[in-house]
Amino acid sequence: MRSYELMVIHRYDMAEPDVRDAVAEIEKAITDRDGTVKETDFWGKRRFSYEIDHMTEGYYSVVTFEGDVELQDTLHRSLALLDSVVRHKILRQYPAKSVASRFVSHTPFTLVNTSREERCNE
């Protein structure tokens, strides 16, 4: 199972309890499809940095979960169809160690510490 982070922006004209219920439905959809919700963070109403569909603010929430690729695809399709969702983004989380090791193991050169005089004499 892979780890994902889902950010959802709900419409500003919804009541906060309705938004929390919508986030709870997303969590239920994840658990119904054999996923596990690790953490849910409700940010509340925030102002957008630019206008989206003539809206300037919305309710932000972040759900961290584990699941398979089919679950991620299903969530993406479902959230894209909801009128209450302004935007959503699903990101795969990688362990920090493996990302760093990818960059370190593929360096095409080695660093050599030489003085300026040695470089000029060559």
PDB file of N, CA and C in Angstrom:
ATOM      1  N   MET A   1       0.839  -1.185   0.000  1.00  0.00           N
ATOM      2  CA  MET A   1       0.000   0.000   0.000  1.00  0.00           C
ATOM      3  C   MET A   1       0.884   1.247   0.000  1.00  0.00           C
ATOM      4  N   ARG A   2       0.437   2.249  -0.712  1.00  0.00           N
ATOM      5  CA  ARG A   2       1.192   3.485  -0.831  1.00  0.00           C
ATOM      6  C   ARG A   2       0.587   4.557   0.063  1.00  0.00           C
ATOM      7  N   SER A   3       1.414   5.502   0.452  1.00  0.00           N
ATOM      8  CA  SER A   3       0.950   6.631   1.261  1.00  0.00           C
ATOM      9  C   SER A   3       0.628   7.803   0.338  1.00  0.00           C
ATOM     10  N   TYR A   4      -0.498   8.451   0.589  1.00  0.00           N
ATOM     11  CA  TYR A   4      -0.941   9.594  -0.198  1.00  0.00           C
ATOM     12  C   TYR A   4      -1.353  10.738   0.721  1.00  0.00           C
ATOM     13  N   GLU A   5      -1.320  11.930   0.153  1.00  0.00           N
ATOM     14  CA  GLU A   5      -1.846  13.113   0.841  1.00  0.00           C
ATOM     15  C   GLU A   5      -2.843  13.759  -0.106  1.00  0.00           C
ATOM     16  N   LEU A   6      -4.053  13.965   0.374  1.00  0.00           N
ATOM     17  CA  LEU A   6      -5.130  14.538  -0.421  1.00  0.00           C
ATOM     18  C   LEU A   6      -5.479  15.908   0.140  1.00  0.00           C
ATOM     19  N   MET A   7      -5.406  16.929  -0.690  1.00  0.00           N
ATOM     20  CA  MET A   7      -5.857  18.261  -0.292  1.00  0.00           C
ATOM     21  C   MET A   7      -7.132  18.568  -1.068  1.00  0.00           C
ATOM     22  N   VAL A   8      -8.156  18.992  -0.339  1.00  0.00           N
ATOM     23  CA  VAL A   8      -9.446  19.312  -0.951  1.00  0.00           C
ATOM     24  C   VAL A   8      -9.820  20.731  -0.568  1.00  0.00           C
ATOM     25  N   ILE A   9     -10.316  21.486  -1.545  1.00  0.00           N
ATOM     26  CA  ILE A   9     -10.854  22.821  -1.286  1.00  0.00           C
ATOM     27  C   ILE A   9     -12.346  22.761  -1.597  1.00  0.00           C
ATOM     28  N   HIS A  10     -13.167  22.990  -0.567  1.00  0.00           N
ATOM     29  CA  HIS A  10     -14.617  23.016  -0.738  1.00  0.00           C
ATOM     30  C   HIS A  10     -15.085  24.464  -0.932  1.00  0.00           C
ATOM     31  N   ARG A  11     -16.267  24.607  -1.477  1.00  0.00           N
ATOM     32  CA  ARG A  11     -16.840  25.920  -1.771  1.00  0.00           C
ATOM     33  C   ARG A  11     -17.001  26.758  -0.500  1.00  0.00           C
ATOM     34  N   TYR A  12     -16.866  28.060  -0.656  1.00  0.00           N
ATOM     35  CA  TYR A  12     -16.944  28.983   0.481  1.00  0.00           C
ATOM     36  C   TYR A  12     -18.359  29.137   1.006  1.00  0.00           C
ATOM     37  N   ASP A  13     -19.383  28.892   0.174  1.00  0.00           N
ATOM     38  CA  ASP A  13     -20.767  29.135   0.590  1.00  0.00           C
ATOM     39  C   ASP A  13     -21.377  27.966   1.366  1.00  0.00           C
ATOM     40  N   MET A  14     -20.601  26.924   1.605  1.00  0.00           N
ATOM     41  CA  MET A  14     -21.072  25.815   2.431  1.00  0.00           C
ATOM     42  C   MET A  14     -20.897  26.173   3.901  1.00  0.00           C
ATOM     43  N   ALA A  15     -21.737  25.613   4.756  1.00  0.00           N
ATOM     44  CA  ALA A  15     -21.571  25.792   6.197  1.00  0.00           C
ATOM     45  C   ALA A  15     -20.438  24.884   6.675  1.00  0.00           C
ATOM     46  N   GLU A  16     -19.724  25.317   7.710  1.00  0.00           N
ATOM     47  CA  GLU A  16     -18.580  24.539   8.187  1.00  0.00           C
ATOM     48  C   GLU A  16     -18.951  23.121   8.609  1.00  0.00           C
ATOM     49  N   PRO A  17     -20.090  22.905   9.304  1.00  0.00           N
ATOM     50  CA  PRO A  17     -20.455  21.515   9.625  1.00  0.00           C
ATOM     51  C   PRO A  17     -20.681  20.652   8.377  1.00  0.00           C
ATOM     52  N   ASP A  18     -21.214  21.256   7.309  1.00  0.00           N
ATOM     53  CA  ASP A  18     -21.414  20.510   6.066  1.00  0.00           C
ATOM     54  C   ASP A  18     -20.079  20.122   5.436  1.00  0.00           C
ATOM     55  N   VAL A  19     -19.105  21.007   5.524  1.00  0.00           N
ATOM     56  CA  VAL A  19     -17.779  20.717   4.987  1.00  0.00           C
ATOM     57  C   VAL A  19     -17.141  19.591   5.785  1.00  0.00           C
ATOM     58  N   ARG A  20     -17.260  19.643   7.102  1.00  0.00           N
ATOM     59  CA  ARG A  20     -16.708  18.571   7.939  1.00  0.00           C
ATOM     60  C   ARG A  20     -17.385  17.226   7.633  1.00  0.00           C
ATOM     61  N   ASP A  21     -18.691  17.263   7.356  1.00  0.00           N
ATOM     62  CA  ASP A  21     -19.398  16.039   6.969  1.00  0.00           C
ATOM     63  C   ASP A  21     -18.887  15.516   5.624  1.00  0.00           C
ATOM     64  N   ALA A  22     -18.605  16.426   4.694  1.00  0.00           N
ATOM     65  CA  ALA A  22     -18.077  16.019   3.391  1.00  0.00           C
ATOM     66  C   ALA A  22     -16.697  15.381   3.537  1.00  0.00           C
ATOM     67  N   VAL A  23     -15.869  15.928   4.430  1.00  0.00           N
ATOM     68  CA  VAL A  23     -14.547  15.340   4.680  1.00  0.00           C
ATOM     69  C   VAL A  23     -14.707  13.965   5.330  1.00  0.00           C
ATOM     70  N   ALA A  24     -15.682  13.830   6.221  1.00  0.00           N
ATOM     71  CA  ALA A  24     -15.952  12.526   6.844  1.00  0.00           C
ATOM     72  C   ALA A  24     -16.406  11.510   5.790  1.00  0.00           C
ATOM     73  N   GLU A  25     -17.158  11.954   4.785  1.00  0.00           N
ATOM     74  CA  GLU A  25     -17.569  11.058   3.700  1.00  0.00           C
ATOM     75  C   GLU A  25     -16.367  10.609   2.869  1.00  0.00           C
ATOM     76  N   ILE A  26     -15.423  11.515   2.663  1.00  0.00           N
ATOM     77  CA  ILE A  26     -14.202  11.148   1.945  1.00  0.00           C
ATOM     78  C   ILE A  26     -13.434  10.092   2.734  1.00  0.00           C
ATOM     79  N   GLU A  27     -13.334  10.287   4.063  1.00  0.00           N
ATOM     80  CA  GLU A  27     -12.664   9.303   4.911  1.00  0.00           C
ATOM     81  C   GLU A  27     -13.371   7.948   4.846  1.00  0.00           C
ATOM     82  N   LYS A  28     -14.702   7.972   4.853  1.00  0.00           N
ATOM     83  CA  LYS A  28     -15.473   6.734   4.781  1.00  0.00           C
ATOM     84  C   LYS A  28     -15.244   6.039   3.445  1.00  0.00           C
ATOM     85  N   ALA A  29     -15.167   6.818   2.364  1.00  0.00           N
ATOM     86  CA  ALA A  29     -14.913   6.230   1.046  1.00  0.00           C
ATOM     87  C   ALA A  29     -13.546   5.562   1.012  1.00  0.00           C
ATOM     88  N   ILE A  30     -12.581   6.154   1.694  1.00  0.00           N
ATOM     89  CA  ILE A  30     -11.238   5.567   1.743  1.00  0.00           C
ATOM     90  C   ILE A  30     -11.258   4.246   2.506  1.00  0.00           C
ATOM     91  N   THR A  31     -11.888   4.235   3.660  1.00  0.00           N
ATOM     92  CA  THR A  31     -11.917   3.010   4.471  1.00  0.00           C
ATOM     93  C   THR A  31     -12.790   1.930   3.834  1.00  0.00           C
ATOM     94  N   ASP A  32     -13.842   2.312   3.094  1.00  0.00           N
ATOM     95  CA  ASP A  32     -14.692   1.321   2.423  1.00  0.00           C
ATOM     96  C   ASP A  32     -13.949   0.601   1.306  1.00  0.00           C
ATOM     97  N   ARG A  33     -12.926   1.229   0.761  1.00  0.00           N
ATOM     98  CA  ARG A  33     -12.161   0.632  -0.340  1.00  0.00           C
ATOM     99  C   ARG A  33     -10.808   0.110   0.157  1.00  0.00           C
ATOM    100  N   ASP A  34     -10.782  -0.387   1.375  1.00  0.00           N
ATOM    101  CA  ASP A  34      -9.620  -1.041   1.983  1.00  0.00           C
ATOM    102  C   ASP A  34      -8.427  -0.109   2.177  1.00  0.00           C
ATOM    103  N   GLY A  35      -8.663   1.173   2.313  1.00  0.00           N
ATOM    104  CA  GLY A  35      -7.599   2.118   2.641  1.00  0.00           C
ATOM    105  C   GLY A  35      -7.634   2.440   4.122  1.00  0.00           C
ATOM    106  N   THR A  36      -6.590   3.078   4.605  1.00  0.00           N
ATOM    107  CA  THR A  36      -6.552   3.489   6.005  1.00  0.00           C
ATOM    108  C   THR A  36      -6.239   4.978   6.070  1.00  0.00           C
ATOM    109  N   VAL A  37      -7.030   5.695   6.851  1.00  0.00           N
ATOM    110  CA  VAL A  37      -6.819   7.125   7.051  1.00  0.00           C
ATOM    111  C   VAL A  37      -5.838   7.290   8.196  1.00  0.00           C
ATOM    112  N   LYS A  38      -4.722   7.959   7.934  1.00  0.00           N
ATOM    113  CA  LYS A  38      -3.705   8.156   8.961  1.00  0.00           C
ATOM    114  C   LYS A  38      -3.933   9.452   9.732  1.00  0.00           C
ATOM    115  N   GLU A  39      -4.347  10.510   9.022  1.00  0.00           N
ATOM    116  CA  GLU A  39      -4.513  11.804   9.685  1.00  0.00           C
ATOM    117  C   GLU A  39      -5.432  12.678   8.850  1.00  0.00           C
ATOM    118  N   THR A  40      -6.225  13.496   9.524  1.00  0.00           N
ATOM    119  CA  THR A  40      -7.070  14.477   8.849  1.00  0.00           C
ATOM    120  C   THR A  40      -6.823  15.831   9.490  1.00  0.00           C
ATOM    121  N   ASP A  41      -6.566  16.817   8.653  1.00  0.00           N
ATOM    122  CA  ASP A  41      -6.273  18.162   9.141  1.00  0.00           C
ATOM    123  C   ASP A  41      -7.225  19.132   8.453  1.00  0.00           C
ATOM    124  N   PHE A  42      -8.123  19.742   9.229  1.00  0.00           N
ATOM    125  CA  PHE A  42      -9.094  20.697   8.693  1.00  0.00           C
ATOM    126  C   PHE A  42      -8.554  22.104   8.919  1.00  0.00           C
ATOM    127  N   TRP A  43      -8.269  22.816   7.832  1.00  0.00           N
ATOM    128  CA  TRP A  43      -7.657  24.139   7.942  1.00  0.00           C
ATOM    129  C   TRP A  43      -8.684  25.255   8.078  1.00  0.00           C
ATOM    130  N   GLY A  44      -9.914  25.009   7.676  1.00  0.00           N
ATOM    131  CA  GLY A  44     -10.942  26.036   7.751  1.00  0.00           C
ATOM    132  C   GLY A  44     -10.969  26.894   6.490  1.00  0.00           C
ATOM    133  N   LYS A  45     -11.633  28.043   6.618  1.00  0.00           N
ATOM    134  CA  LYS A  45     -11.802  28.929   5.464  1.00  0.00           C
ATOM    135  C   LYS A  45     -10.543  29.760   5.267  1.00  0.00           C
ATOM    136  N   ARG A  46     -10.018  29.728   4.041  1.00  0.00           N
ATOM    137  CA  ARG A  46      -8.807  30.480   3.684  1.00  0.00           C
ATOM    138  C   ARG A  46      -9.057  31.258   2.401  1.00  0.00           C
ATOM    139  N   ARG A  47      -8.331  32.352   2.263  1.00  0.00           N
ATOM    140  CA  ARG A  47      -8.408  33.173   1.053  1.00  0.00           C
ATOM    141  C   ARG A  47      -7.484  32.600  -0.010  1.00  0.00           C
ATOM    142  N   PHE A  48      -7.970  32.569  -1.271  1.00  0.00           N
ATOM    143  CA  PHE A  48      -7.168  32.097  -2.389  1.00  0.00           C
ATOM    144  C   PHE A  48      -6.146  33.157  -2.774  1.00  0.00           C
ATOM    145  N   SER A  49      -5.065  32.742  -3.362  1.00  0.00           N
ATOM    146  CA  SER A  49      -4.078  33.708  -3.859  1.00  0.00           C
ATOM    147  C   SER A  49      -4.526  34.285  -5.204  1.00  0.00           C
ATOM    148  N   TYR A  50      -5.454  33.609  -5.881  1.00  0.00           N
ATOM    149  CA  TYR A  50      -6.038  34.128  -7.112  1.00  0.00           C
ATOM    150  C   TYR A  50      -7.474  33.606  -7.209  1.00  0.00           C
ATOM    151  N   GLU A  51      -8.267  34.242  -8.018  1.00  0.00           N
ATOM    152  CA  GLU A  51      -9.676  33.897  -8.142  1.00  0.00           C
ATOM    153  C   GLU A  51      -9.847  32.590  -8.919  1.00  0.00           C
ATOM    154  N   ILE A  52     -10.703  31.704  -8.390  1.00  0.00           N
ATOM    155  CA  ILE A  52     -11.016  30.435  -9.049  1.00  0.00           C
ATOM    156  C   ILE A  52     -12.526  30.389  -9.246  1.00  0.00           C
ATOM    157  N   ASP A  53     -12.973  30.340 -10.487  1.00  0.00           N
ATOM    158  CA  ASP A  53     -14.408  30.271 -10.805  1.00  0.00           C
ATOM    159  C   ASP A  53     -15.196  31.361 -10.082  1.00  0.00           C
ATOM    160  N   HIS A  54     -14.692  32.570 -10.091  1.00  0.00           N
ATOM    161  CA  HIS A  54     -15.310  33.745  -9.459  1.00  0.00           C
ATOM    162  C   HIS A  54     -15.428  33.609  -7.947  1.00  0.00           C
ATOM    163  N   MET A  55     -14.577  32.795  -7.343  1.00  0.00           N
ATOM    164  CA  MET A  55     -14.537  32.639  -5.887  1.00  0.00           C
ATOM    165  C   MET A  55     -13.180  33.105  -5.385  1.00  0.00           C
ATOM    166  N   THR A  56     -13.161  33.674  -4.190  1.00  0.00           N
ATOM    167  CA  THR A  56     -11.904  34.169  -3.628  1.00  0.00           C
ATOM    168  C   THR A  56     -11.511  33.459  -2.347  1.00  0.00           C
ATOM    169  N   GLU A  57     -12.355  32.534  -1.845  1.00  0.00           N
ATOM    170  CA  GLU A  57     -12.007  31.782  -0.639  1.00  0.00           C
ATOM    171  C   GLU A  57     -12.698  30.429  -0.651  1.00  0.00           C
ATOM    172  N   GLY A  58     -12.202  29.538   0.202  1.00  0.00           N
ATOM    173  CA  GLY A  58     -12.768  28.202   0.299  1.00  0.00           C
ATOM    174  C   GLY A  58     -12.280  27.508   1.554  1.00  0.00           C
ATOM    175  N   TYR A  59     -12.874  26.351   1.836  1.00  0.00           N
ATOM    176  CA  TYR A  59     -12.513  25.552   3.009  1.00  0.00           C
ATOM    177  C   TYR A  59     -11.466  24.519   2.605  1.00  0.00           C
ATOM    178  N   TYR A  60     -10.328  24.556   3.279  1.00  0.00           N
ATOM    179  CA  TYR A  60      -9.219  23.642   2.986  1.00  0.00           C
ATOM    180  C   TYR A  60      -9.217  22.488   3.982  1.00  0.00           C
ATOM    181  N   SER A  61      -8.918  21.299   3.486  1.00  0.00           N
ATOM    182  CA  SER A  61      -8.713  20.141   4.359  1.00  0.00           C
ATOM    183  C   SER A  61      -7.673  19.228   3.716  1.00  0.00           C
ATOM    184  N   VAL A  62      -6.904  18.559   4.573  1.00  0.00           N
ATOM    185  CA  VAL A  62      -5.852  17.650   4.125  1.00  0.00           C
ATOM    186  C   VAL A  62      -6.080  16.297   4.790  1.00  0.00           C
ATOM    187  N   VAL A  63      -6.128  15.250   3.971  1.00  0.00           N
ATOM    188  CA  VAL A  63      -6.313  13.887   4.476  1.00  0.00           C
ATOM    189  C   VAL A  63      -5.100  13.068   4.055  1.00  0.00           C
ATOM    190  N   THR A  64      -4.410  12.485   5.018  1.00  0.00           N
ATOM    191  CA  THR A  64      -3.291  11.599   4.754  1.00  0.00           C
ATOM    192  C   THR A  64      -3.797  10.166   4.893  1.00  0.00           C
ATOM    193  N   PHE A  65      -3.567   9.359   3.847  1.00  0.00           N
ATOM    194  CA  PHE A  65      -4.102   7.997   3.874  1.00  0.00           C
ATOM    195  C   PHE A  65      -3.164   7.045   3.154  1.00  0.00           C
ATOM    196  N   GLU A  66      -3.428   5.756   3.358  1.00  0.00           N
ATOM    197  CA  GLU A  66      -2.709   4.694   2.654  1.00  0.00           C
ATOM    198  C   GLU A  66      -3.718   3.891   1.857  1.00  0.00           C
ATOM    199  N   GLY A  67      -3.320   3.514   0.643  1.00  0.00           N
ATOM    200  CA  GLY A  67      -4.211   2.738  -0.207  1.00  0.00           C
ATOM    201  C   GLY A  67      -3.493   2.324  -1.469  1.00  0.00           C
ATOM    202  N   ASP A  68      -4.222   1.644  -2.333  1.00  0.00           N
ATOM    203  CA  ASP A  68      -3.622   1.216  -3.595  1.00  0.00           C
ATOM    204  C   ASP A  68      -3.919   2.235  -4.695  1.00  0.00           C
ATOM    205  N   VAL A  69      -3.416   1.978  -5.867  1.00  0.00           N
ATOM    206  CA  VAL A  69      -3.544   2.909  -6.988  1.00  0.00           C
ATOM    207  C   VAL A  69      -5.005   3.029  -7.427  1.00  0.00           C
ATOM    208  N   GLU A  70      -5.761   1.941  -7.363  1.00  0.00           N
ATOM    209  CA  GLU A  70      -7.171   1.990  -7.751  1.00  0.00           C
ATOM    210  C   GLU A  70      -7.968   2.919  -6.842  1.00  0.00           C
ATOM    211  N   LEU A  71      -7.647   2.922  -5.557  1.00  0.00           N
ATOM    212  CA  LEU A  71      -8.308   3.832  -4.618  1.00  0.00           C
ATOM    213  C   LEU A  71      -8.006   5.277  -4.981  1.00  0.00           C
ATOM    214  N   GLN A  72      -6.777   5.564  -5.305  1.00  0.00           N
ATOM    215  CA  GLN A  72      -6.387   6.921  -5.685  1.00  0.00           C
ATOM    216  C   GLN A  72      -7.121   7.348  -6.952  1.00  0.00           C
ATOM    217  N   ASP A  73      -7.217   6.466  -7.942  1.00  0.00           N
ATOM    218  CA  ASP A  73      -7.940   6.775  -9.179  1.00  0.00           C
ATOM    219  C   ASP A  73      -9.427   7.006  -8.921  1.00  0.00           C
ATOM    220  N   THR A  74     -10.018   6.176  -8.063  1.00  0.00           N
ATOM    221  CA  THR A  74     -11.437   6.311  -7.736  1.00  0.00           C
ATOM    222  C   THR A  74     -11.705   7.633  -7.032  1.00  0.00           C
ATOM    223  N   LEU A  75     -10.851   7.989  -6.071  1.00  0.00           N
ATOM    224  CA  LEU A  75     -11.019   9.275  -5.376  1.00  0.00           C
ATOM    225  C   LEU A  75     -10.904  10.438  -6.347  1.00  0.00           C
ATOM    226  N   HIS A  76      -9.947  10.372  -7.246  1.00  0.00           N
ATOM    227  CA  HIS A  76      -9.753  11.447  -8.213  1.00  0.00           C
ATOM    228  C   HIS A  76     -10.996  11.627  -9.082  1.00  0.00           C
ATOM    229  N   ARG A  77     -11.542  10.530  -9.592  1.00  0.00           N
ATOM    230  CA  ARG A  77     -12.739  10.620 -10.434  1.00  0.00           C
ATOM    231  C   ARG A  77     -13.933  11.145  -9.651  1.00  0.00           C
ATOM    232  N   SER A  78     -14.115  10.669  -8.432  1.00  0.00           N
ATOM    233  CA  SER A  78     -15.268  11.078  -7.620  1.00  0.00           C
ATOM    234  C   SER A  78     -15.194  12.552  -7.233  1.00  0.00           C
ATOM    235  N   LEU A  79     -14.022  12.996  -6.801  1.00  0.00           N
ATOM    236  CA  LEU A  79     -13.889  14.389  -6.376  1.00  0.00           C
ATOM    237  C   LEU A  79     -13.994  15.354  -7.551  1.00  0.00           C
ATOM    238  N   ALA A  80     -13.587  14.928  -8.731  1.00  0.00           N
ATOM    239  CA  ALA A  80     -13.693  15.794  -9.911  1.00  0.00           C
ATOM    240  C   ALA A  80     -15.152  16.037 -10.292  1.00  0.00           C
ATOM    241  N   LEU A  81     -16.036  15.118  -9.951  1.00  0.00           N
ATOM    242  CA  LEU A  81     -17.451  15.249 -10.305  1.00  0.00           C
ATOM    243  C   LEU A  81     -18.271  16.031  -9.283  1.00  0.00           C
ATOM    244  N   LEU A  82     -17.768  16.202  -8.077  1.00  0.00           N
ATOM    245  CA  LEU A  82     -18.528  16.881  -7.026  1.00  0.00           C
ATOM    246  C   LEU A  82     -18.561  18.389  -7.255  1.00  0.00           C
ATOM    247  N   ASP A  83     -19.754  18.969  -7.194  1.00  0.00           N
ATOM    248  CA  ASP A  83     -19.887  20.421  -7.341  1.00  0.00           C
ATOM    249  C   ASP A  83     -19.395  21.169  -6.110  1.00  0.00           C
ATOM    250  N   SER A  84     -19.378  20.518  -4.962  1.00  0.00           N
ATOM    251  CA  SER A  84     -18.957  21.179  -3.728  1.00  0.00           C
ATOM    252  C   SER A  84     -17.442  21.305  -3.629  1.00  0.00           C
ATOM    253  N   VAL A  85     -16.707  20.583  -4.470  1.00  0.00           N
ATOM    254  CA  VAL A  85     -15.247  20.623  -4.443  1.00  0.00           C
ATOM    255  C   VAL A  85     -14.754  21.576  -5.530  1.00  0.00           C
ATOM    256  N   VAL A  86     -14.018  22.608  -5.095  1.00  0.00           N
ATOM    257  CA  VAL A  86     -13.458  23.575  -6.043  1.00  0.00           C
ATOM    258  C   VAL A  86     -12.223  22.990  -6.708  1.00  0.00           C
ATOM    259  N   ARG A  87     -11.294  22.491  -5.900  1.00  0.00           N
ATOM    260  CA  ARG A  87     -10.058  21.878  -6.388  1.00  0.00           C
ATOM    261  C   ARG A  87      -9.682  20.730  -5.458  1.00  0.00           C
ATOM    262  N   HIS A  88      -8.937  19.774  -5.995  1.00  0.00           N
ATOM    263  CA  HIS A  88      -8.363  18.717  -5.167  1.00  0.00           C
ATOM    264  C   HIS A  88      -7.040  18.297  -5.785  1.00  0.00           C
ATOM    265  N   LYS A  89      -6.174  17.763  -4.953  1.00  0.00           N
ATOM    266  CA  LYS A  89      -4.867  17.299  -5.416  1.00  0.00           C
ATOM    267  C   LYS A  89      -4.477  16.105  -4.559  1.00  0.00           C
ATOM    268  N   ILE A  90      -4.057  15.024  -5.222  1.00  0.00           N
ATOM    269  CA  ILE A  90      -3.591  13.825  -4.521  1.00  0.00           C
ATOM    270  C   ILE A  90      -2.107  13.667  -4.820  1.00  0.00           C
ATOM    271  N   LEU A  91      -1.310  13.650  -3.764  1.00  0.00           N
ATOM    272  CA  LEU A  91       0.133  13.515  -3.900  1.00  0.00           C
ATOM    273  C   LEU A  91       0.592  12.227  -3.233  1.00  0.00           C
ATOM    274  N   ARG A  92       1.494  11.522  -3.888  1.00  0.00           N
ATOM    275  CA  ARG A  92       2.076  10.329  -3.272  1.00  0.00           C
ATOM    276  C   ARG A  92       3.210  10.760  -2.359  1.00  0.00           C
ATOM    277  N   GLN A  93       3.244  10.201  -1.164  1.00  0.00           N
ATOM    278  CA  GLN A  93       4.295  10.517  -0.208  1.00  0.00           C
ATOM    279  C   GLN A  93       5.376   9.447  -0.290  1.00  0.00           C
ATOM    280  N   TYR A  94       6.605   9.907  -0.412  1.00  0.00           N
ATOM    281  CA  TYR A  94       7.752   9.009  -0.439  1.00  0.00           C
ATOM    282  C   TYR A  94       8.481   9.111   0.896  1.00  0.00           C
ATOM    283  N   PRO A  95       9.064   8.018   1.360  1.00  0.00           N
ATOM    284  CA  PRO A  95       9.907   8.114   2.551  1.00  0.00           C
ATOM    285  C   PRO A  95      11.090   9.033   2.258  1.00  0.00           C
ATOM    286  N   ALA A  96      11.448   9.876   3.189  1.00  0.00           N
ATOM    287  CA  ALA A  96      12.500  10.872   2.981  1.00  0.00           C
ATOM    288  C   ALA A  96      13.834  10.216   2.653  1.00  0.00           C
ATOM    289  N   LYS A  97      14.122   9.081   3.232  1.00  0.00           N
ATOM    290  CA  LYS A  97      15.399   8.415   3.007  1.00  0.00           C
ATOM    291  C   LYS A  97      15.545   7.952   1.563  1.00  0.00           C
ATOM    292  N   SER A  98      14.493   7.395   0.993  1.00  0.00           N
ATOM    293  CA  SER A  98      14.599   6.874  -0.362  1.00  0.00           C
ATOM    294  C   SER A  98      14.734   7.991  -1.393  1.00  0.00           C
ATOM    295  N   VAL A  99      14.104   9.127  -1.177  1.00  0.00           N
ATOM    296  CA  VAL A  99      14.225  10.238  -2.118  1.00  0.00           C
ATOM    297  C   VAL A  99      15.646  10.780  -2.116  1.00  0.00           C
ATOM    298  N   ALA A 100      16.222  10.956  -0.952  1.00  0.00           N
ATOM    299  CA  ALA A 100      17.591  11.467  -0.865  1.00  0.00           C
ATOM    300  C   ALA A 100      18.579  10.481  -1.479  1.00  0.00           C
ATOM    301  N   SER A 101      18.358   9.198  -1.259  1.00  0.00           N
ATOM    302  CA  SER A 101      19.296   8.213  -1.795  1.00  0.00           C
ATOM    303  C   SER A 101      19.236   8.153  -3.320  1.00  0.00           C
ATOM    304  N   ARG A 102      18.103   8.492  -3.898  1.00  0.00           N
ATOM    305  CA  ARG A 102      18.016   8.509  -5.360  1.00  0.00           C
ATOM    306  C   ARG A 102      18.944   9.561  -5.947  1.00  0.00           C
ATOM    307  N   PHE A 103      18.994  10.726  -5.324  1.00  0.00           N
ATOM    308  CA  PHE A 103      19.831  11.796  -5.844  1.00  0.00           C
ATOM    309  C   PHE A 103      21.310  11.551  -5.569  1.00  0.00           C
ATOM    310  N   VAL A 104      21.616  10.978  -4.427  1.00  0.00           N
ATOM    311  CA  VAL A 104      23.010  10.746  -4.065  1.00  0.00           C
ATOM    312  C   VAL A 104      23.618   9.649  -4.934  1.00  0.00           C
ATOM    313  N   SER A 105      22.871   8.611  -5.219  1.00  0.00           N
ATOM    314  CA  SER A 105      23.434   7.480  -5.960  1.00  0.00           C
ATOM    315  C   SER A 105      23.622   7.774  -7.442  1.00  0.00           C
ATOM    316  N   HIS A 106      23.015   8.819  -7.964  1.00  0.00           N
ATOM    317  CA  HIS A 106      23.085   9.100  -9.394  1.00  0.00           C
ATOM    318  C   HIS A 106      23.928  10.325  -9.728  1.00  0.00           C
ATOM    319  N   THR A 107      24.836  10.714  -8.860  1.00  0.00           N
ATOM    320  CA  THR A 107      25.677  11.865  -9.181  1.00  0.00           C
ATOM    321  C   THR A 107      26.693  11.457 -10.232  1.00  0.00           C
ATOM    322  N   PRO A 108      26.763  12.159 -11.359  1.00  0.00           N
ATOM    323  CA  PRO A 108      27.642  11.741 -12.456  1.00  0.00           C
ATOM    324  C   PRO A 108      29.089  12.171 -12.289  1.00  0.00           C
ATOM    325  N   PHE A 109      29.416  12.860 -11.237  1.00  0.00           N
ATOM    326  CA  PHE A 109      30.780  13.350 -11.064  1.00  0.00           C
ATOM    327  C   PHE A 109      31.171  13.242  -9.597  1.00  0.00           C
ATOM    328  N   THR A 110      32.467  13.350  -9.349  1.00  0.00           N
ATOM    329  CA  THR A 110      32.951  13.354  -7.983  1.00  0.00           C
ATOM    330  C   THR A 110      33.589  14.698  -7.708  1.00  0.00           C
ATOM    331  N   LEU A 111      33.454  15.158  -6.512  1.00  0.00           N
ATOM    332  CA  LEU A 111      34.022  16.438  -6.124  1.00  0.00           C
ATOM    333  C   LEU A 111      35.458  16.243  -5.670  1.00  0.00           C
ATOM    334  N   VAL A 112      36.353  17.039  -6.205  1.00  0.00           N
ATOM    335  CA  VAL A 112      37.759  16.976  -5.833  1.00  0.00           C
ATOM    336  C   VAL A 112      38.122  18.328  -5.247  1.00  0.00           C
ATOM    337  N   ASN A 113      38.681  18.313  -4.087  1.00  0.00           N
ATOM    338  CA  ASN A 113      39.048  19.547  -3.419  1.00  0.00           C
ATOM    339  C   ASN A 113      40.496  19.880  -3.770  1.00  0.00           C
ATOM    340  N   THR A 114      40.691  20.850  -4.645  1.00  0.00           N
ATOM    341  CA  THR A 114      42.046  21.285  -5.018  1.00  0.00           C
ATOM    342  C   THR A 114      42.174  22.771  -4.753  1.00  0.00           C
ATOM    343  N   SER A 115      43.395  23.175  -4.526  1.00  0.00           N
ATOM    344  CA  SER A 115      43.629  24.591  -4.272  1.00  0.00           C
ATOM    345  C   SER A 115      43.654  25.351  -5.591  1.00  0.00           C
ATOM    346  N   ARG A 116      43.578  26.658  -5.519  1.00  0.00           N
ATOM    347  CA  ARG A 116      43.559  27.498  -6.712  1.00  0.00           C
ATOM    348  C   ARG A 116      44.902  27.413  -7.446  1.00  0.00           C
ATOM    349  N   GLU A 117      45.991  27.324  -6.707  1.00  0.00           N
ATOM    350  CA  GLU A 117      47.302  27.236  -7.345  1.00  0.00           C
ATOM    351  C   GLU A 117      47.464  25.966  -8.159  1.00  0.00           C
ATOM    352  N   GLU A 118      46.929  24.849  -7.636  1.00  0.00           N
ATOM    353  CA  GLU A 118      47.015  23.598  -8.373  1.00  0.00           C
ATOM    354  C   GLU A 118      46.220  23.653  -9.663  1.00  0.00           C
ATOM    355  N   ARG A 119      45.061  24.300  -9.628  1.00  0.00           N
ATOM    356  CA  ARG A 119      44.250  24.418 -10.846  1.00  0.00           C
ATOM    357  C   ARG A 119      44.919  25.308 -11.879  1.00  0.00           C
ATOM    358  N   CYS A 120      45.605  26.382 -11.436  1.00  0.00           N
ATOM    359  CA  CYS A 120      46.261  27.312 -12.355  1.00  0.00           C
ATOM    360  C   CYS A 120      47.511  26.706 -12.992  1.00  0.00           C
ATOM    361  N   ASN A 121      48.187  25.800 -12.286  1.00  0.00           N
ATOM    362  CA  ASN A 121      49.420  25.222 -12.798  1.00  0.00           C
ATOM    363  C   ASN A 121      49.170  24.123 -13.815  1.00  0.00           C
ATOM    364  N   GLU A 122      47.992  23.655 -13.940  1.00  0.00           N
ATOM    365  CA  GLU A 122      47.702  22.548 -14.868  1.00  0.00           C
ATOM    366  C   GLU A 122      47.586  22.995 -16.288  1.00  0.00           C
TER     367      GLU A 122
END
